[in-house]
Structure formats: C-alpha cells, structure tokens
Amino acid sequence: VQLVESGGDLVQTGGSLRLSCQASGFDVDMYDIGWFRQAPGKAREGVACIRARYGVKLYAENVKDRFTIFSDSSGPSYNKTVFLQMNDLKPDDAGVYYCAVGAAWVPRGKILTASIDLWGKGTQVTVAS
C-alpha cells in the first residue's frame, strides 16, 4: 500500500503544473484521497480532495478555480493515478505537495483539514516570481 507523487518542478508565476499520485495496493475509489502542501516554516495544509464514492470534490478557498483534482478513469481501481492540475500558479503555492488518503476532509477557513492515514513522500513545487 503506497502513494508515489511526481510532477513537481520549477515554474514561473502564472504557469501550470500537473502533479500525479500513483496509488497502489488498495481500491482508490473506496477512499477519500487528496493533496496537502507544506511551505517552509508553515503547517501542512489541505488543498484538494476527491471522494469518488460520493462524486464529491473539495478545494481550499485559495486554490479554487485554479486547481483541479481528478483521477484516471481507465484501468483497475487498485492501481489508479490521482492528478492535481494547477494553473495560474503563484509564489504562495510553492512547497512540498503530498498525496494523502484519509477521512473527514472538510473546509476550515481557507484550507482543508483531514485525518490522514497514509502519506506519500511528496514532490517539490517551486514558483519563481
């Protein structure tokens, strides 16, 4: 059972990136899966979540309309990739992005919070101003 992120890179302000989270060993469609990020010196914060069982997607207030979370619809659900498409990136979006599986994803102020059971190792996103 693991999550492996990829796709982090250096990008200019206003640019786009697509992060990938390869999930294996469990049925992704039966769990809530999403993305957290952590900037240096700051707490980890949830940015997006997909709850496939309920057809629900949640976004942090400060990424709504710029970020899109989705999963590939092809292939077995035990070996599925979850993506985070990030557009119009800003310097405040920089940090390590972690894929995460857990429960109780809820918006709290400008971010999402959740009780996480499984973390990936993260992928670095750098946004140059």
C-alpha atoms as a PDB file:
ATOM      1  CA  VAL A   1       0.000   0.000   0.000  1.00  0.00           C
ATOM      2  CA  GLN A   2       1.652   3.211  -1.086  1.00  0.00           C
ATOM      3  CA  LEU A   3       1.334   6.615  -2.708  1.00  0.00           C
ATOM      4  CA  VAL A   4       4.047   7.927  -5.027  1.00  0.00           C
ATOM      5  CA  GLU A   5       3.957  11.536  -6.170  1.00  0.00           C
ATOM      6  CA  SER A   6       5.620  13.044  -9.210  1.00  0.00           C
ATOM      7  CA  GLY A   7       5.421  16.125 -11.404  1.00  0.00           C
ATOM      8  CA  GLY A   8       6.877  18.787  -9.137  1.00  0.00           C
ATOM      9  CA  ASP A   9       9.089  21.331 -10.858  1.00  0.00           C
ATOM     10  CA  LEU A  10      10.209  24.949 -11.044  1.00  0.00           C
ATOM     11  CA  VAL A  11       7.669  27.131 -12.818  1.00  0.00           C
ATOM     12  CA  GLN A  12       7.191  30.845 -13.391  1.00  0.00           C
ATOM     13  CA  THR A  13       4.357  32.785 -11.767  1.00  0.00           C
ATOM     14  CA  GLY A  14       1.244  32.254 -13.860  1.00  0.00           C
ATOM     15  CA  GLY A  15       2.450  28.915 -15.137  1.00  0.00           C
ATOM     16  CA  SER A  16       0.910  25.457 -14.809  1.00  0.00           C
ATOM     17  CA  LEU A  17       1.903  22.062 -13.470  1.00  0.00           C
ATOM     18  CA  ARG A  18       0.207  18.700 -13.229  1.00  0.00           C
ATOM     19  CA  LEU A  19       1.079  16.558 -10.231  1.00  0.00           C
ATOM     20  CA  SER A  20       0.498  12.820 -10.234  1.00  0.00           C
ATOM     21  CA  CYS A  21      -0.111  10.434  -7.365  1.00  0.00           C
ATOM     22  CA  GLN A  22       0.261   6.773  -8.231  1.00  0.00           C
ATOM     23  CA  ALA A  23      -1.746   4.790  -5.685  1.00  0.00           C
ATOM     24  CA  SER A  24      -1.228   1.053  -5.357  1.00  0.00           C
ATOM     25  CA  GLY A  25      -2.338  -1.760  -3.103  1.00  0.00           C
ATOM     26  CA  PHE A  26      -5.822  -0.507  -2.360  1.00  0.00           C
ATOM     27  CA  ASP A  27      -9.046   0.430  -4.107  1.00  0.00           C
ATOM     28  CA  VAL A  28      -8.744   4.183  -4.603  1.00  0.00           C
ATOM     29  CA  ASP A  29     -12.444   4.551  -5.381  1.00  0.00           C
ATOM     30  CA  MET A  30     -13.351   3.373  -1.869  1.00  0.00           C
ATOM     31  CA  TYR A  31     -11.327   6.075  -0.074  1.00  0.00           C
ATOM     32  CA  ASP A  32     -11.055   9.822   0.104  1.00  0.00           C
ATOM     33  CA  ILE A  33      -7.776  10.886  -1.464  1.00  0.00           C
ATOM     34  CA  GLY A  34      -6.283  14.289  -1.948  1.00  0.00           C
ATOM     35  CA  TRP A  35      -3.370  16.679  -1.721  1.00  0.00           C
ATOM     36  CA  PHE A  36      -1.711  18.605   1.056  1.00  0.00           C
ATOM     37  CA  ARG A  37       1.126  21.075   0.708  1.00  0.00           C
ATOM     38  CA  GLN A  38       3.718  22.465   3.066  1.00  0.00           C
ATOM     39  CA  ALA A  39       5.785  25.588   2.592  1.00  0.00           C
ATOM     40  CA  PRO A  40       8.998  26.113   4.593  1.00  0.00           C
ATOM     41  CA  GLY A  41       8.202  27.158   8.155  1.00  0.00           C
ATOM     42  CA  LYS A  42       4.481  26.649   7.701  1.00  0.00           C
ATOM     43  CA  ALA A  43       1.997  23.969   8.687  1.00  0.00           C
ATOM     44  CA  ARG A  44       0.843  21.372   6.214  1.00  0.00           C
ATOM     45  CA  GLU A  45      -2.458  22.364   4.653  1.00  0.00           C
ATOM     46  CA  GLY A  46      -5.005  20.502   2.584  1.00  0.00           C
ATOM     47  CA  VAL A  47      -5.680  21.876  -0.904  1.00  0.00           C
ATOM     48  CA  ALA A  48      -7.925  19.373  -2.695  1.00  0.00           C
ATOM     49  CA  CYS A  49      -9.739  16.114  -2.152  1.00  0.00           C
ATOM     50  CA  ILE A  50     -11.719  13.686  -4.263  1.00  0.00           C
ATOM     51  CA  ARG A  51     -14.373  11.480  -2.678  1.00  0.00           C
ATOM     52  CA  ALA A  52     -15.066   9.110  -5.532  1.00  0.00           C
ATOM     53  CA  ARG A  53     -17.773   7.139  -3.707  1.00  0.00           C
ATOM     54  CA  TYR A  54     -19.891  10.274  -3.400  1.00  0.00           C
ATOM     55  CA  GLY A  55     -18.884  12.095  -6.579  1.00  0.00           C
ATOM     56  CA  VAL A  56     -17.587  14.984  -4.478  1.00  0.00           C
ATOM     57  CA  LYS A  57     -14.523  17.170  -4.878  1.00  0.00           C
ATOM     58  CA  LEU A  58     -13.386  19.669  -2.271  1.00  0.00           C
ATOM     59  CA  TYR A  59     -10.952  22.553  -2.692  1.00  0.00           C
ATOM     60  CA  ALA A  60      -9.278  25.003  -0.382  1.00  0.00           C
ATOM     61  CA  GLU A  61     -10.580  28.515  -0.844  1.00  0.00           C
ATOM     62  CA  ASN A  62      -7.238  29.853  -2.036  1.00  0.00           C
ATOM     63  CA  VAL A  63      -6.889  27.336  -4.878  1.00  0.00           C
ATOM     64  CA  LYS A  64     -10.490  27.081  -6.024  1.00  0.00           C
ATOM     65  CA  ASP A  65     -10.877  27.957  -9.719  1.00  0.00           C
ATOM     66  CA  ARG A  66      -7.144  27.381 -10.292  1.00  0.00           C
ATOM     67  CA  PHE A  67      -6.582  23.783  -9.204  1.00  0.00           C
ATOM     68  CA  THR A  68      -8.456  20.693 -10.390  1.00  0.00           C
ATOM     69  CA  ILE A  69      -8.257  17.229  -8.845  1.00  0.00           C
ATOM     70  CA  PHE A  70      -9.206  14.184 -10.889  1.00  0.00           C
ATOM     71  CA  SER A  71      -8.327  10.531 -11.295  1.00  0.00           C
ATOM     72  CA  ASP A  72      -7.816   8.447 -14.378  1.00  0.00           C
ATOM     73  CA  SER A  73     -10.982   6.609 -15.305  1.00  0.00           C
ATOM     74  CA  SER A  74      -9.254   3.788 -17.122  1.00  0.00           C
ATOM     75  CA  GLY A  75      -7.655   0.741 -15.609  1.00  0.00           C
ATOM     76  CA  PRO A  76      -8.283  -1.081 -12.334  1.00  0.00           C
ATOM     77  CA  SER A  77      -9.123   0.965  -9.251  1.00  0.00           C
ATOM     78  CA  TYR A  78      -6.369  -0.873  -7.346  1.00  0.00           C
ATOM     79  CA  ASN A  79      -3.738   0.822  -9.458  1.00  0.00           C
ATOM     80  CA  LYS A  80      -5.032   4.286 -10.161  1.00  0.00           C
ATOM     81  CA  THR A  81      -3.444   7.701 -10.548  1.00  0.00           C
ATOM     82  CA  VAL A  82      -4.838  10.841  -8.975  1.00  0.00           C
ATOM     83  CA  PHE A  83      -3.845  14.147 -10.574  1.00  0.00           C
ATOM     84  CA  LEU A  84      -3.717  17.719  -9.397  1.00  0.00           C
ATOM     85  CA  GLN A  85      -3.811  20.184 -12.278  1.00  0.00           C
ATOM     86  CA  MET A  86      -2.509  23.534 -11.065  1.00  0.00           C
ATOM     87  CA  ASN A  87      -2.981  26.642 -13.195  1.00  0.00           C
ATOM     88  CA  ASP A  88      -2.092  30.306 -12.683  1.00  0.00           C
ATOM     89  CA  LEU A  89       0.483  29.378 -10.066  1.00  0.00           C
ATOM     90  CA  LYS A  90       1.535  31.988  -7.535  1.00  0.00           C
ATOM     91  CA  PRO A  91       4.613  32.164  -5.281  1.00  0.00           C
ATOM     92  CA  ASP A  92       2.362  31.280  -2.312  1.00  0.00           C
ATOM     93  CA  ASP A  93       1.596  27.939  -3.998  1.00  0.00           C
ATOM     94  CA  ALA A  94       5.206  26.819  -3.608  1.00  0.00           C
ATOM     95  CA  GLY A  95       6.037  23.974  -1.263  1.00  0.00           C
ATOM     96  CA  VAL A  96       6.182  20.210  -1.000  1.00  0.00           C
ATOM     97  CA  TYR A  97       2.972  18.629  -2.205  1.00  0.00           C
ATOM     98  CA  TYR A  98       1.882  15.402  -0.561  1.00  0.00           C
ATOM     99  CA  CYS A  99      -0.679  12.909  -1.725  1.00  0.00           C
ATOM    100  CA  ALA A 100      -2.762  11.634   1.175  1.00  0.00           C
ATOM    101  CA  VAL A 101      -5.535   9.181   1.989  1.00  0.00           C
ATOM    102  CA  GLY A 102      -7.753   9.779   4.977  1.00  0.00           C
ATOM    103  CA  ALA A 103     -11.151  10.750   6.278  1.00  0.00           C
ATOM    104  CA  ALA A 104     -13.103  13.777   7.466  1.00  0.00           C
ATOM    105  CA  TRP A 105     -11.884  16.137   4.746  1.00  0.00           C
ATOM    106  CA  VAL A 106     -13.595  19.450   5.484  1.00  0.00           C
ATOM    107  CA  PRO A 107     -13.032  23.087   4.560  1.00  0.00           C
ATOM    108  CA  ARG A 108     -11.801  25.152   7.508  1.00  0.00           C
ATOM    109  CA  GLY A 109     -11.291  28.754   6.582  1.00  0.00           C
ATOM    110  CA  LYS A 110      -9.112  28.902   3.500  1.00  0.00           C
ATOM    111  CA  ILE A 111      -7.784  25.331   3.694  1.00  0.00           C
ATOM    112  CA  LEU A 112      -8.937  21.729   4.012  1.00  0.00           C
ATOM    113  CA  THR A 113      -8.268  19.610   7.046  1.00  0.00           C
ATOM    114  CA  ALA A 114      -8.452  15.839   7.305  1.00  0.00           C
ATOM    115  CA  SER A 115      -7.481  12.851   9.388  1.00  0.00           C
ATOM    116  CA  ILE A 116      -4.785  11.213   7.281  1.00  0.00           C
ATOM    117  CA  ASP A 117      -3.941   7.504   7.378  1.00  0.00           C
ATOM    118  CA  LEU A 118      -1.441   7.311   4.533  1.00  0.00           C
ATOM    119  CA  TRP A 119       1.031   9.868   3.161  1.00  0.00           C
ATOM    120  CA  GLY A 120       3.205   9.920   0.110  1.00  0.00           C
ATOM    121  CA  LYS A 121       6.764  11.238   0.310  1.00  0.00           C
ATOM    122  CA  GLY A 122       5.980  14.463  -1.531  1.00  0.00           C
ATOM    123  CA  THR A 123       7.064  16.345  -4.623  1.00  0.00           C
ATOM    124  CA  GLN A 124       8.578  19.829  -4.676  1.00  0.00           C
ATOM    125  CA  VAL A 125       6.840  22.726  -6.412  1.00  0.00           C
ATOM    126  CA  THR A 126       8.787  25.951  -6.798  1.00  0.00           C
ATOM    127  CA  VAL A 127       7.176  29.083  -8.214  1.00  0.00           C
ATOM    128  CA  ALA A 128       9.517  31.843  -9.354  1.00  0.00           C
ATOM    129  CA  SER A 129       8.256  35.383  -9.136  1.00  0.00           C
END
